[in-house]
Amino acid sequence: MMRESLGHDEYGSANPFDPDDLAQLNAMGPVVGSGNDFEKYAVAVIIVFGALIIGGLMAASMAFGHRNGFLFALGGATAAWISGNALLLDRPRIYALFVGIAAVMLIASTITLVT
């Protein structure tokens, strides 16, 4: 097989990798050079907790006139928001603590809504 010119593959497009190095690149895996992906998980935590679950609990508590349920949901939303920021700042223990606080407050909000 005839080697292509440096930096180009057989289709003429620029290729930053030497084809002979692909085995070595695959052995290193996708982690090399990618840093951490905590940002994706932090955004997911903020969106899921904040918009879907807690927003629904807050709206239901307001609709049925349960002030305590609303305040528990608001506290859970705040704790979940803080946990998302803790994950973004790479603080896993603080993240776990605030996820636990948010879960307890959301369970309390659900209990006040049901009873």
Protein backbone atom coordinates (compact mmCIF):
# COMPACT_ATOMS: atom_id res chain seq x y z
CA MET A 1 0.00 0.00 0.00
CA MET A 2 1.32 3.38 -0.95
CA ARG A 3 1.68 5.85 1.93
CA GLU A 4 -0.15 9.13 1.58
CA SER A 5 1.53 12.45 2.09
CA LEU A 6 2.06 13.60 5.64
CA GLY A 7 -1.14 14.80 7.31
CA HIS A 8 -3.54 13.49 4.65
CA ASP A 9 -5.42 10.23 4.31
CA GLU A 10 -6.43 8.47 1.08
CA TYR A 11 -9.42 10.80 0.70
CA GLY A 12 -7.31 13.93 0.85
CA SER A 13 -8.59 15.16 4.21
CA ALA A 14 -6.27 16.20 7.00
CA ASN A 15 -5.66 13.53 9.60
CA PRO A 16 -3.81 14.43 12.82
CA PHE A 17 -3.04 10.78 13.67
CA ASP A 18 -0.68 8.39 12.04
CA PRO A 19 -2.61 5.20 11.16
CA ASP A 20 0.18 3.15 12.70
CA ASP A 21 -0.49 4.85 16.05
CA LEU A 22 -4.18 3.86 16.25
CA ALA A 23 -3.47 0.70 18.24
CA GLN A 24 -1.57 2.74 20.81
CA LEU A 25 -4.30 5.41 20.96
CA ASN A 26 -6.99 2.77 21.49
CA ALA A 27 -4.91 1.16 24.25
CA MET A 28 -4.83 4.48 26.13
CA GLY A 29 -8.62 4.72 26.05
CA PRO A 30 -11.00 7.67 25.93
CA VAL A 31 -9.93 9.00 29.34
CA VAL A 32 -6.61 10.36 28.15
CA GLY A 33 -6.84 14.06 27.52
CA SER A 34 -10.55 14.35 28.23
CA GLY A 35 -10.23 15.56 31.82
CA ASN A 36 -13.25 14.87 33.97
CA ASP A 37 -16.85 14.84 32.84
CA PHE A 38 -18.38 16.09 36.08
CA GLU A 39 -19.90 19.04 34.22
CA LYS A 40 -22.31 16.81 32.30
CA TYR A 41 -23.50 15.10 35.48
CA ALA A 42 -23.83 18.39 37.35
CA VAL A 43 -26.03 19.83 34.63
CA ALA A 44 -28.13 16.66 34.62
CA VAL A 45 -28.58 16.87 38.39
CA ILE A 46 -29.60 20.53 38.23
CA ILE A 47 -32.08 19.96 35.40
CA VAL A 48 -33.69 16.76 36.68
CA PHE A 49 -33.99 17.77 40.31
CA GLY A 50 -34.79 21.41 39.70
CA ALA A 51 -37.13 21.41 36.75
CA LEU A 52 -39.00 18.13 36.78
CA ILE A 53 -39.32 16.66 40.25
CA ILE A 54 -39.14 19.67 42.51
CA GLY A 55 -41.07 21.96 40.20
CA GLY A 56 -43.92 19.46 40.16
CA LEU A 57 -43.90 19.11 43.93
CA MET A 58 -43.89 22.86 44.40
CA ALA A 59 -46.75 23.34 41.93
CA ALA A 60 -48.82 20.57 43.50
CA SER A 61 -48.25 21.94 47.00
CA MET A 62 -49.31 25.41 45.88
CA ALA A 63 -52.36 24.08 44.07
CA PHE A 64 -53.59 22.16 47.13
CA GLY A 65 -52.64 24.95 49.56
CA HIS A 66 -50.01 23.03 51.52
CA ARG A 67 -47.56 25.69 52.66
CA ASN A 68 -45.29 23.22 54.49
CA GLY A 69 -45.04 20.97 51.43
CA PHE A 70 -44.09 23.96 49.31
CA LEU A 71 -41.40 25.03 51.76
CA PHE A 72 -39.97 21.49 51.98
CA ALA A 73 -39.88 21.34 48.16
CA LEU A 74 -38.20 24.74 48.05
CA GLY A 75 -35.58 23.55 50.55
CA GLY A 76 -35.08 20.39 48.51
CA ALA A 77 -34.65 22.47 45.36
CA THR A 78 -32.05 24.62 47.07
CA ALA A 79 -30.16 21.58 48.38
CA ALA A 80 -30.26 19.94 44.94
CA TRP A 81 -28.99 23.15 43.34
CA ILE A 82 -26.12 23.30 45.82
CA SER A 83 -25.33 19.62 45.17
CA GLY A 84 -25.11 20.29 41.44
CA ASN A 85 -22.65 23.08 42.08
CA ALA A 86 -20.66 20.88 44.47
CA LEU A 87 -20.36 18.25 41.78
CA LEU A 88 -19.32 20.91 39.30
CA LEU A 89 -16.57 21.99 41.71
CA ASP A 90 -15.46 18.35 42.21
CA ARG A 91 -16.58 18.00 45.85
CA PRO A 92 -18.13 14.51 45.96
CA ARG A 93 -18.73 14.38 49.73
CA ILE A 94 -20.52 17.73 49.77
CA TYR A 95 -22.47 16.54 46.73
CA ALA A 96 -23.57 13.36 48.53
CA LEU A 97 -24.53 15.30 51.65
CA PHE A 98 -26.73 17.75 49.77
CA VAL A 99 -28.31 15.04 47.63
CA GLY A 100 -29.25 13.30 50.88
CA ILE A 101 -30.66 16.53 52.32
CA ALA A 102 -32.63 17.13 49.12
CA ALA A 103 -34.00 13.58 49.16
CA VAL A 104 -35.15 13.89 52.79
CA MET A 105 -36.80 17.25 52.13
CA LEU A 106 -38.53 15.99 49.01
CA ILE A 107 -39.82 12.93 50.86
CA ALA A 108 -41.13 15.27 53.58
CA SER A 109 -42.79 17.42 50.91
CA THR A 110 -44.43 14.36 49.40
CA ILE A 111 -45.65 13.19 52.80
CA THR A 112 -47.18 16.58 53.59
CA LEU A 113 -48.84 16.59 50.18
CA VAL A 114 -50.31 13.12 50.57
CA THR A 115 -51.53 13.46 54.17
